[in-house]
Amino acid sequence: MEGAFVMEGILAQELKYPEPKRNSYIAASYVKTLEAAGAHVVPVMVNRTEEEYRHLFNSINGILLPGGAANLLTSGYAKAAHIFYKFALEANSQSDYFPVWGTCLGFEQLLVITSGENLLCRTNTSGVSLPLEFTQDAAESKLFKDFPPEVMTALATENITVNFHKWSISMENFTKSEELRNFYKILSTNTDGNIEFISTMEAYDYPIYGVQWHPEKNAFEWSQTYYPHTPSAIKTTFYMADFFVNEAKKNLHSFASEEEALKHLIQNHNPDFSGADGSSFLQKYYFE
């Protein structure tokens, strides 16, 4: 596509209660976040063949595993995430830079894939905004090193990271796992008052990033009173998105033609106003 350099995939997930022509969805806030940073969005459907995923992997520049609710071992979301993770490790090992991002459920999915087991524990974090407790590695991390000082200060001192999860990876369980220790660098932690859990991480040797919190909600979701919309909170959304989109600019994957690219864009689908039905997402894209 002329002038279009970044095509970011967002993985869909099955609906708990599917309806005719509505079997899976992507929350529009993830789409808006990436588009605000200059990317085109390609929905990655669940329950496709590995061959189809390979073709799509070679056509997009990065993939985001969004939050939501899905079985981390057996769902179509989990199976597709496993395949793209495998493709990403293969590509990056051959100097083909392909970034992967996991938010909340996607963060948890990355942990399960990397460790080969589910080491998550229950935490009291299903509705609270917190400041990040940065580790010493955060300042020089790939993710945070170019953030403006005022944004880093806000992240460390203001309640601007939305936590909307019942499961977390505790520091204790992370430390016990050799696979996790060797693969991921911890950038921030948090606590629910009893359990210290990891809230931000990045891989040592691959462009793979995970946040247990929700950067996209600050700018684009409104259903909860604890969703922050302060200037610092909004800046956080866009600096996180800008980082990931710039990571995706580091490979040359593309569709074979502009016509094929246009057929895959999220604009082929119309978002529904799901907030009117009581959903925590203001808008959703639904897929057959």
C-alpha atoms as a PDB file:
ATOM      1  CA  MET A   1       0.000   0.000   0.000  1.00  0.00           C
ATOM      2  CA  GLU A   2       1.349   3.376  -0.955  1.00  0.00           C
ATOM      3  CA  GLY A   3       2.468   5.244   2.135  1.00  0.00           C
ATOM      4  CA  ALA A   4       1.570   2.340   4.417  1.00  0.00           C
ATOM      5  CA  PHE A   5       4.598   0.849   6.075  1.00  0.00           C
ATOM      6  CA  VAL A   6       3.252  -0.876   9.172  1.00  0.00           C
ATOM      7  CA  MET A   7       0.607  -3.596   9.259  1.00  0.00           C
ATOM      8  CA  GLU A   8      -0.030  -4.759  12.816  1.00  0.00           C
ATOM      9  CA  GLY A   9      -1.978  -7.923  13.505  1.00  0.00           C
ATOM     10  CA  ILE A  10      -4.353  -8.147  16.473  1.00  0.00           C
ATOM     11  CA  LEU A  11      -5.444 -11.623  17.520  1.00  0.00           C
ATOM     12  CA  ALA A  12      -9.178 -12.205  17.897  1.00  0.00           C
ATOM     13  CA  GLN A  13     -10.679 -14.451  20.555  1.00  0.00           C
ATOM     14  CA  GLU A  14     -13.782 -16.577  20.812  1.00  0.00           C
ATOM     15  CA  LEU A  15     -16.935 -15.183  22.356  1.00  0.00           C
ATOM     16  CA  LYS A  16     -18.129 -17.005  25.465  1.00  0.00           C
ATOM     17  CA  TYR A  17     -21.661 -16.930  24.069  1.00  0.00           C
ATOM     18  CA  PRO A  18     -21.408 -16.960  20.257  1.00  0.00           C
ATOM     19  CA  GLU A  19     -24.295 -15.839  18.083  1.00  0.00           C
ATOM     20  CA  PRO A  20     -24.970 -16.199  14.357  1.00  0.00           C
ATOM     21  CA  LYS A  21     -22.124 -14.436  12.499  1.00  0.00           C
ATOM     22  CA  ARG A  22     -20.577 -13.524  15.876  1.00  0.00           C
ATOM     23  CA  ASN A  23     -18.084 -16.157  16.959  1.00  0.00           C
ATOM     24  CA  SER A  24     -15.058 -14.029  17.842  1.00  0.00           C
ATOM     25  CA  TYR A  25     -14.179 -10.410  18.494  1.00  0.00           C
ATOM     26  CA  ILE A  26     -11.502  -7.742  18.903  1.00  0.00           C
ATOM     27  CA  ALA A  27     -12.061  -4.758  21.200  1.00  0.00           C
ATOM     28  CA  ALA A  28     -11.864  -1.540  19.192  1.00  0.00           C
ATOM     29  CA  SER A  29      -9.670   0.166  21.797  1.00  0.00           C
ATOM     30  CA  TYR A  30      -6.712  -1.978  20.715  1.00  0.00           C
ATOM     31  CA  VAL A  31      -7.325  -1.039  17.091  1.00  0.00           C
ATOM     32  CA  LYS A  32      -7.569   2.672  17.882  1.00  0.00           C
ATOM     33  CA  THR A  33      -4.393   2.559  19.966  1.00  0.00           C
ATOM     34  CA  LEU A  34      -2.283   1.128  17.147  1.00  0.00           C
ATOM     35  CA  GLU A  35      -3.893   3.335  14.524  1.00  0.00           C
ATOM     36  CA  ALA A  36      -3.158   6.410  16.647  1.00  0.00           C
ATOM     37  CA  ALA A  37       0.523   5.459  16.427  1.00  0.00           C
ATOM     38  CA  GLY A  38       0.386   5.209  12.639  1.00  0.00           C
ATOM     39  CA  ALA A  39      -0.260   1.527  11.987  1.00  0.00           C
ATOM     40  CA  HIS A  40      -2.815  -0.244   9.857  1.00  0.00           C
ATOM     41  CA  VAL A  41      -4.552  -3.076  11.696  1.00  0.00           C
ATOM     42  CA  VAL A  42      -5.145  -6.582  10.372  1.00  0.00           C
ATOM     43  CA  PRO A  43      -7.451  -8.853  12.386  1.00  0.00           C
ATOM     44  CA  VAL A  44      -5.945 -12.295  12.959  1.00  0.00           C
ATOM     45  CA  MET A  45      -8.815 -14.754  13.098  1.00  0.00           C
ATOM     46  CA  VAL A  46      -8.840 -17.774  15.383  1.00  0.00           C
ATOM     47  CA  ASN A  47      -9.070 -21.399  14.245  1.00  0.00           C
ATOM     48  CA  ARG A  48      -7.178 -21.039  10.980  1.00  0.00           C
ATOM     49  CA  THR A  49      -4.583 -23.445   9.616  1.00  0.00           C
ATOM     50  CA  GLU A  50      -0.883 -23.064  10.343  1.00  0.00           C
ATOM     51  CA  GLU A  51      -0.382 -22.517   6.609  1.00  0.00           C
ATOM     52  CA  GLU A  52      -2.813 -19.578   6.680  1.00  0.00           C
ATOM     53  CA  TYR A  53      -1.066 -18.156   9.727  1.00  0.00           C
ATOM     54  CA  ARG A  54       2.315 -18.516   8.029  1.00  0.00           C
ATOM     55  CA  HIS A  55       1.104 -16.506   5.060  1.00  0.00           C
ATOM     56  CA  LEU A  56      -0.296 -13.832   7.368  1.00  0.00           C
ATOM     57  CA  PHE A  57       2.887 -13.768   9.451  1.00  0.00           C
ATOM     58  CA  ASN A  58       4.903 -13.045   6.308  1.00  0.00           C
ATOM     59  CA  SER A  59       2.487 -10.216   5.430  1.00  0.00           C
ATOM     60  CA  ILE A  60       2.264  -8.278   8.706  1.00  0.00           C
ATOM     61  CA  ASN A  61       4.948  -6.493  10.718  1.00  0.00           C
ATOM     62  CA  GLY A  62       4.002  -7.438  14.278  1.00  0.00           C
ATOM     63  CA  ILE A  63       1.233  -8.982  16.357  1.00  0.00           C
ATOM     64  CA  LEU A  64      -0.617  -7.899  19.485  1.00  0.00           C
ATOM     65  CA  LEU A  65      -2.192 -10.476  21.800  1.00  0.00           C
ATOM     66  CA  PRO A  66      -4.962  -8.509  23.530  1.00  0.00           C
ATOM     67  CA  GLY A  67      -6.665  -8.829  26.880  1.00  0.00           C
ATOM     68  CA  GLY A  68      -9.948 -10.578  27.452  1.00  0.00           C
ATOM     69  CA  ALA A  69     -10.896 -14.073  28.576  1.00  0.00           C
ATOM     70  CA  ALA A  70      -9.786 -17.295  26.919  1.00  0.00           C
ATOM     71  CA  ASN A  71      -8.388 -20.659  27.959  1.00  0.00           C
ATOM     72  CA  LEU A  72      -4.611 -20.333  27.829  1.00  0.00           C
ATOM     73  CA  LEU A  73      -4.128 -23.946  26.749  1.00  0.00           C
ATOM     74  CA  THR A  74      -7.019 -25.041  24.553  1.00  0.00           C
ATOM     75  CA  SER A  75      -8.699 -21.983  22.995  1.00  0.00           C
ATOM     76  CA  GLY A  76      -8.305 -20.860  19.415  1.00  0.00           C
ATOM     77  CA  TYR A  77      -6.644 -17.757  20.871  1.00  0.00           C
ATOM     78  CA  ALA A  78      -4.039 -19.912  22.640  1.00  0.00           C
ATOM     79  CA  LYS A  79      -3.380 -22.085  19.607  1.00  0.00           C
ATOM     80  CA  ALA A  80      -2.912 -19.107  17.283  1.00  0.00           C
ATOM     81  CA  ALA A  81      -0.701 -17.343  19.846  1.00  0.00           C
ATOM     82  CA  HIS A  82       1.511 -20.444  20.099  1.00  0.00           C
ATOM     83  CA  ILE A  83       1.932 -20.539  16.324  1.00  0.00           C
ATOM     84  CA  PHE A  84       2.815 -16.844  15.971  1.00  0.00           C
ATOM     85  CA  TYR A  85       5.194 -17.072  18.943  1.00  0.00           C
ATOM     86  CA  LYS A  86       6.958 -19.992  17.234  1.00  0.00           C
ATOM     87  CA  PHE A  87       7.127 -18.106  13.949  1.00  0.00           C
ATOM     88  CA  ALA A  88       8.473 -15.000  15.717  1.00  0.00           C
ATOM     89  CA  LEU A  89      11.267 -16.909  17.460  1.00  0.00           C
ATOM     90  CA  GLU A  90      12.244 -18.583  14.184  1.00  0.00           C
ATOM     91  CA  ALA A  91      12.219 -15.286  12.294  1.00  0.00           C
ATOM     92  CA  ASN A  92      14.123 -13.303  14.912  1.00  0.00           C
ATOM     93  CA  SER A  93      16.735 -16.050  15.161  1.00  0.00           C
ATOM     94  CA  GLN A  94      17.324 -15.503  11.450  1.00  0.00           C
ATOM     95  CA  SER A  95      17.634 -11.696  11.800  1.00  0.00           C
ATOM     96  CA  ASP A  96      14.045 -11.105  10.644  1.00  0.00           C
ATOM     97  CA  TYR A  97      12.902  -8.666  13.344  1.00  0.00           C
ATOM     98  CA  PHE A  98       9.273  -9.415  14.248  1.00  0.00           C
ATOM     99  CA  PRO A  99       7.782  -7.982  17.476  1.00  0.00           C
ATOM    100  CA  VAL A 100       5.131  -9.605  19.669  1.00  0.00           C
ATOM    101  CA  TRP A 101       3.139  -7.752  22.307  1.00  0.00           C
ATOM    102  CA  GLY A 102       0.921  -9.243  25.003  1.00  0.00           C
ATOM    103  CA  THR A 103      -1.547  -7.224  27.101  1.00  0.00           C
ATOM    104  CA  CYS A 104      -3.176  -8.782  30.202  1.00  0.00           C
ATOM    105  CA  LEU A 105      -4.483 -12.096  28.811  1.00  0.00           C
ATOM    106  CA  GLY A 106      -1.797 -11.807  26.126  1.00  0.00           C
ATOM    107  CA  PHE A 107       0.829 -11.234  28.819  1.00  0.00           C
ATOM    108  CA  GLU A 108      -0.381 -14.360  30.622  1.00  0.00           C
ATOM    109  CA  GLN A 109      -0.407 -16.286  27.338  1.00  0.00           C
ATOM    110  CA  LEU A 110       3.240 -15.403  26.690  1.00  0.00           C
ATOM    111  CA  LEU A 111       4.171 -16.696  30.145  1.00  0.00           C
ATOM    112  CA  VAL A 112       2.379 -20.006  29.573  1.00  0.00           C
ATOM    113  CA  ILE A 113       3.952 -20.477  26.144  1.00  0.00           C
ATOM    114  CA  THR A 114       7.471 -19.630  27.328  1.00  0.00           C
ATOM    115  CA  SER A 115       7.388 -21.692  30.515  1.00  0.00           C
ATOM    116  CA  GLY A 116       5.422 -24.596  29.068  1.00  0.00           C
ATOM    117  CA  GLU A 117       3.094 -24.559  32.079  1.00  0.00           C
ATOM    118  CA  ASN A 118       0.576 -22.358  33.839  1.00  0.00           C
ATOM    119  CA  LEU A 119       2.316 -20.744  36.831  1.00  0.00           C
ATOM    120  CA  LEU A 120      -0.279 -18.023  37.394  1.00  0.00           C
ATOM    121  CA  CYS A 121      -1.826 -17.389  40.796  1.00  0.00           C
ATOM    122  CA  ARG A 122      -4.944 -15.548  41.918  1.00  0.00           C
ATOM    123  CA  THR A 123      -4.542 -11.904  42.914  1.00  0.00           C
ATOM    124  CA  ASN A 124      -6.973  -9.233  44.020  1.00  0.00           C
ATOM    125  CA  THR A 125      -6.437  -7.060  40.945  1.00  0.00           C
ATOM    126  CA  SER A 126      -9.685  -7.202  39.002  1.00  0.00           C
ATOM    127  CA  GLY A 127     -10.408  -3.481  39.103  1.00  0.00           C
ATOM    128  CA  VAL A 128      -7.730  -1.025  40.183  1.00  0.00           C
ATOM    129  CA  SER A 129      -5.312   1.505  38.692  1.00  0.00           C
ATOM    130  CA  LEU A 130      -1.796   1.566  40.134  1.00  0.00           C
ATOM    131  CA  PRO A 131       1.620   3.226  39.711  1.00  0.00           C
ATOM    132  CA  LEU A 132       4.373   0.943  38.425  1.00  0.00           C
ATOM    133  CA  GLU A 133       7.165  -0.143  40.740  1.00  0.00           C
ATOM    134  CA  PHE A 134      10.065  -0.019  38.294  1.00  0.00           C
ATOM    135  CA  THR A 135      13.034  -2.358  38.591  1.00  0.00           C
ATOM    136  CA  GLN A 136      16.611  -1.187  38.071  1.00  0.00           C
ATOM    137  CA  ASP A 137      16.464  -2.596  34.538  1.00  0.00           C
ATOM    138  CA  ALA A 138      13.570  -0.416  33.439  1.00  0.00           C
ATOM    139  CA  ALA A 139      15.479   2.806  32.693  1.00  0.00           C
ATOM    140  CA  GLU A 140      17.745   1.125  30.125  1.00  0.00           C
ATOM    141  CA  SER A 141      15.153  -1.304  28.780  1.00  0.00           C
ATOM    142  CA  LYS A 142      14.184  -1.333  25.124  1.00  0.00           C
ATOM    143  CA  LEU A 143      10.640  -0.468  26.077  1.00  0.00           C
ATOM    144  CA  PHE A 144      11.159   2.454  28.445  1.00  0.00           C
ATOM    145  CA  LYS A 145      14.581   3.934  27.699  1.00  0.00           C
ATOM    146  CA  ASP A 146      13.280   6.589  25.295  1.00  0.00           C
ATOM    147  CA  PHE A 147      10.179   7.568  27.275  1.00  0.00           C
ATOM    148  CA  PRO A 148      10.177  11.208  28.416  1.00  0.00           C
ATOM    149  CA  PRO A 149      11.244  11.590  32.060  1.00  0.00           C
ATOM    150  CA  GLU A 150       7.909  13.153  32.991  1.00  0.00           C
ATOM    151  CA  VAL A 151       6.012  10.107  31.676  1.00  0.00           C
ATOM    152  CA  MET A 152       8.276   7.735  33.587  1.00  0.00           C
ATOM    153  CA  THR A 153       7.758   9.801  36.741  1.00  0.00           C
ATOM    154  CA  ALA A 154       3.999   9.726  36.245  1.00  0.00           C
ATOM    155  CA  LEU A 155       4.040   5.971  35.697  1.00  0.00           C
ATOM    156  CA  ALA A 156       5.957   5.532  38.953  1.00  0.00           C
ATOM    157  CA  THR A 157       3.878   7.914  41.068  1.00  0.00           C
ATOM    158  CA  GLU A 158       0.339   8.129  39.664  1.00  0.00           C
ATOM    159  CA  ASN A 159      -2.475   5.580  39.495  1.00  0.00           C
ATOM    160  CA  ILE A 160      -2.469   5.357  35.703  1.00  0.00           C
ATOM    161  CA  THR A 161      -1.973   1.669  34.883  1.00  0.00           C
ATOM    162  CA  VAL A 162      -5.291  -0.168  34.733  1.00  0.00           C
ATOM    163  CA  ASN A 163      -5.323  -3.652  36.252  1.00  0.00           C
ATOM    164  CA  PHE A 164      -8.289  -5.757  35.235  1.00  0.00           C
ATOM    165  CA  HIS A 165      -7.133  -9.316  35.894  1.00  0.00           C
ATOM    166  CA  LYS A 166      -7.736 -12.130  38.383  1.00  0.00           C
ATOM    167  CA  TRP A 167      -4.535 -14.009  37.569  1.00  0.00           C
ATOM    168  CA  SER A 168      -0.925 -12.857  37.825  1.00  0.00           C
ATOM    169  CA  ILE A 169       2.603 -14.232  37.743  1.00  0.00           C
ATOM    170  CA  SER A 170       4.016 -13.797  41.228  1.00  0.00           C
ATOM    171  CA  MET A 171       7.662 -12.923  41.703  1.00  0.00           C
ATOM    172  CA  GLU A 172       7.983 -16.187  43.587  1.00  0.00           C
ATOM    173  CA  ASN A 173       6.629 -18.333  40.746  1.00  0.00           C
ATOM    174  CA  PHE A 174       8.535 -16.394  38.104  1.00  0.00           C
ATOM    175  CA  THR A 175      11.797 -16.842  39.994  1.00  0.00           C
ATOM    176  CA  LYS A 176      11.204 -20.580  40.345  1.00  0.00           C
ATOM    177  CA  SER A 177      10.925 -21.002  36.565  1.00  0.00           C
ATOM    178  CA  GLU A 178      14.265 -21.281  34.801  1.00  0.00           C
ATOM    179  CA  GLU A 179      12.536 -20.805  31.436  1.00  0.00           C
ATOM    180  CA  LEU A 180      10.986 -17.502  32.493  1.00  0.00           C
ATOM    181  CA  ARG A 181      14.072 -16.202  34.303  1.00  0.00           C
ATOM    182  CA  ASN A 182      16.274 -16.845  31.296  1.00  0.00           C
ATOM    183  CA  PHE A 183      13.845 -15.432  28.739  1.00  0.00           C
ATOM    184  CA  TYR A 184      12.279 -12.318  30.285  1.00  0.00           C
ATOM    185  CA  LYS A 185      13.676  -9.257  32.007  1.00  0.00           C
ATOM    186  CA  ILE A 186      11.364  -7.837  34.670  1.00  0.00           C
ATOM    187  CA  LEU A 187      10.759  -4.105  34.160  1.00  0.00           C
ATOM    188  CA  SER A 188       8.104  -3.439  36.799  1.00  0.00           C
ATOM    189  CA  THR A 189       6.202  -5.127  39.579  1.00  0.00           C
ATOM    190  CA  ASN A 190       3.101  -4.404  41.632  1.00  0.00           C
ATOM    191  CA  THR A 191       1.344  -5.848  44.639  1.00  0.00           C
ATOM    192  CA  ASP A 192      -2.263  -6.509  45.599  1.00  0.00           C
ATOM    193  CA  GLY A 193      -1.279  -6.020  49.231  1.00  0.00           C
ATOM    194  CA  ASN A 194      -0.279  -9.636  49.697  1.00  0.00           C
ATOM    195  CA  ILE A 195       1.356 -10.921  46.536  1.00  0.00           C
ATOM    196  CA  GLU A 196       4.054  -9.160  44.513  1.00  0.00           C
ATOM    197  CA  PHE A 197       3.440  -9.776  40.820  1.00  0.00           C
ATOM    198  CA  ILE A 198       5.153  -8.806  37.588  1.00  0.00           C
ATOM    199  CA  SER A 199       3.435  -6.032  35.663  1.00  0.00           C
ATOM    200  CA  THR A 200       5.835  -5.307  32.763  1.00  0.00           C
ATOM    201  CA  MET A 201       8.463  -7.458  31.071  1.00  0.00           C
ATOM    202  CA  GLU A 202      10.491  -7.758  27.885  1.00  0.00           C
ATOM    203  CA  ALA A 203      12.472 -10.628  26.439  1.00  0.00           C
ATOM    204  CA  TYR A 204      16.264 -10.480  26.675  1.00  0.00           C
ATOM    205  CA  ASP A 205      16.979 -11.667  23.151  1.00  0.00           C
ATOM    206  CA  TYR A 206      13.758 -11.120  21.213  1.00  0.00           C
ATOM    207  CA  PRO A 207      11.393  -8.182  20.596  1.00  0.00           C
ATOM    208  CA  ILE A 208       8.709  -9.730  22.796  1.00  0.00           C
ATOM    209  CA  TYR A 209       6.955  -7.513  25.342  1.00  0.00           C
ATOM    210  CA  GLY A 210       4.258  -8.018  27.933  1.00  0.00           C
ATOM    211  CA  VAL A 211       2.174  -5.821  30.223  1.00  0.00           C
ATOM    212  CA  GLN A 212      -0.261  -7.195  32.785  1.00  0.00           C
ATOM    213  CA  TRP A 213      -1.995  -3.786  32.723  1.00  0.00           C
ATOM    214  CA  HIS A 214      -3.990  -2.055  29.978  1.00  0.00           C
ATOM    215  CA  PRO A 215      -2.394   0.908  28.172  1.00  0.00           C
ATOM    216  CA  GLU A 216      -5.263   1.080  25.665  1.00  0.00           C
ATOM    217  CA  LYS A 217      -7.966   1.739  28.275  1.00  0.00           C
ATOM    218  CA  ASN A 218      -6.559   5.109  29.340  1.00  0.00           C
ATOM    219  CA  ALA A 219      -7.442   6.767  26.055  1.00  0.00           C
ATOM    220  CA  PHE A 220     -10.245   4.663  24.630  1.00  0.00           C
ATOM    221  CA  GLU A 221     -12.345   2.974  27.329  1.00  0.00           C
ATOM    222  CA  TRP A 222     -14.753   4.691  29.714  1.00  0.00           C
ATOM    223  CA  SER A 223     -16.910   2.092  31.476  1.00  0.00           C
ATOM    224  CA  GLN A 224     -15.136   2.162  34.857  1.00  0.00           C
ATOM    225  CA  THR A 225     -14.475   5.065  37.200  1.00  0.00           C
ATOM    226  CA  TYR A 226     -10.914   3.839  37.829  1.00  0.00           C
ATOM    227  CA  TYR A 227      -9.931   4.150  34.158  1.00  0.00           C
ATOM    228  CA  PRO A 228      -7.589   7.166  34.235  1.00  0.00           C
ATOM    229  CA  HIS A 229      -7.904   9.915  31.641  1.00  0.00           C
ATOM    230  CA  THR A 230      -5.383  12.423  32.967  1.00  0.00           C
ATOM    231  CA  PRO A 231      -2.824  13.930  30.581  1.00  0.00           C
ATOM    232  CA  SER A 232      -0.171  11.541  31.917  1.00  0.00           C
ATOM    233  CA  ALA A 233      -2.469   8.565  31.452  1.00  0.00           C
ATOM    234  CA  ILE A 234      -3.240   9.511  27.844  1.00  0.00           C
ATOM    235  CA  LYS A 235       0.449  10.050  27.087  1.00  0.00           C
ATOM    236  CA  THR A 236       1.151   6.570  28.460  1.00  0.00           C
ATOM    237  CA  THR A 237      -1.253   5.025  25.934  1.00  0.00           C
ATOM    238  CA  PHE A 238       0.446   6.724  23.034  1.00  0.00           C
ATOM    239  CA  TYR A 239       4.062   6.225  24.083  1.00  0.00           C
ATOM    240  CA  MET A 240       3.432   2.500  24.544  1.00  0.00           C
ATOM    241  CA  ALA A 241       1.761   2.289  21.138  1.00  0.00           C
ATOM    242  CA  ASP A 242       4.435   4.403  19.476  1.00  0.00           C
ATOM    243  CA  PHE A 243       7.120   2.092  20.814  1.00  0.00           C
ATOM    244  CA  PHE A 244       5.457  -1.066  19.504  1.00  0.00           C
ATOM    245  CA  VAL A 245       4.644   0.396  16.096  1.00  0.00           C
ATOM    246  CA  ASN A 246       8.245   1.575  15.712  1.00  0.00           C
ATOM    247  CA  GLU A 247       9.392  -1.953  16.571  1.00  0.00           C
ATOM    248  CA  ALA A 248       7.214  -3.248  13.750  1.00  0.00           C
ATOM    249  CA  LYS A 249       8.888  -0.877  11.282  1.00  0.00           C
ATOM    250  CA  LYS A 250      12.081  -2.928  11.620  1.00  0.00           C
ATOM    251  CA  ASN A 251      10.974  -5.689   9.244  1.00  0.00           C
ATOM    252  CA  LEU A 252       9.942  -5.690   5.607  1.00  0.00           C
ATOM    253  CA  HIS A 253       7.028  -8.111   5.725  1.00  0.00           C
ATOM    254  CA  SER A 254       4.241  -7.111   3.348  1.00  0.00           C
ATOM    255  CA  PHE A 255       1.267  -8.425   1.461  1.00  0.00           C
ATOM    256  CA  ALA A 256       1.898  -9.436  -2.139  1.00  0.00           C
ATOM    257  CA  SER A 257      -0.211  -6.560  -3.471  1.00  0.00           C
ATOM    258  CA  GLU A 258      -2.125  -3.520  -2.350  1.00  0.00           C
ATOM    259  CA  GLU A 259      -5.337  -5.295  -3.316  1.00  0.00           C
ATOM    260  CA  GLU A 260      -4.568  -8.192  -0.979  1.00  0.00           C
ATOM    261  CA  ALA A 261      -3.608  -5.820   1.826  1.00  0.00           C
ATOM    262  CA  LEU A 262      -6.859  -3.897   1.511  1.00  0.00           C
ATOM    263  CA  LYS A 263      -8.857  -7.127   1.800  1.00  0.00           C
ATOM    264  CA  HIS A 264      -7.262  -7.877   5.164  1.00  0.00           C
ATOM    265  CA  LEU A 265      -7.663  -4.477   6.852  1.00  0.00           C
ATOM    266  CA  ILE A 266      -9.897  -4.060   9.892  1.00  0.00           C
ATOM    267  CA  GLN A 267     -11.824  -1.452   7.877  1.00  0.00           C
ATOM    268  CA  ASN A 268     -13.570  -4.337   6.111  1.00  0.00           C
ATOM    269  CA  HIS A 269     -15.493  -4.763   9.369  1.00  0.00           C
ATOM    270  CA  ASN A 270     -17.638  -2.312  11.309  1.00  0.00           C
ATOM    271  CA  PRO A 271     -17.334  -1.927  15.094  1.00  0.00           C
ATOM    272  CA  ASP A 272     -20.493  -2.270  17.182  1.00  0.00           C
ATOM    273  CA  PHE A 273     -21.362  -0.102  20.173  1.00  0.00           C
ATOM    274  CA  SER A 274     -20.980  -2.891  22.702  1.00  0.00           C
ATOM    275  CA  GLY A 275     -20.904  -0.481  25.648  1.00  0.00           C
ATOM    276  CA  ALA A 276     -24.651  -0.075  25.295  1.00  0.00           C
ATOM    277  CA  ASP A 277     -25.023  -3.763  26.193  1.00  0.00           C
ATOM    278  CA  GLY A 278     -23.039  -3.439  29.402  1.00  0.00           C
ATOM    279  CA  SER A 279     -19.730  -4.658  27.980  1.00  0.00           C
ATOM    280  CA  SER A 280     -16.532  -3.306  29.535  1.00  0.00           C
ATOM    281  CA  PHE A 281     -15.465  -2.541  25.955  1.00  0.00           C
ATOM    282  CA  LEU A 282     -17.004   0.564  24.398  1.00  0.00           C
ATOM    283  CA  GLN A 283     -16.815  -0.941  20.905  1.00  0.00           C
ATOM    284  CA  LYS A 284     -16.101  -4.392  19.496  1.00  0.00           C
ATOM    285  CA  TYR A 285     -15.425  -5.812  16.071  1.00  0.00           C
ATOM    286  CA  TYR A 286     -17.271  -9.123  15.651  1.00  0.00           C
ATOM    287  CA  PHE A 287     -16.288 -11.885  13.237  1.00  0.00           C
ATOM    288  CA  GLU A 288     -17.911 -15.043  11.933  1.00  0.00           C
END
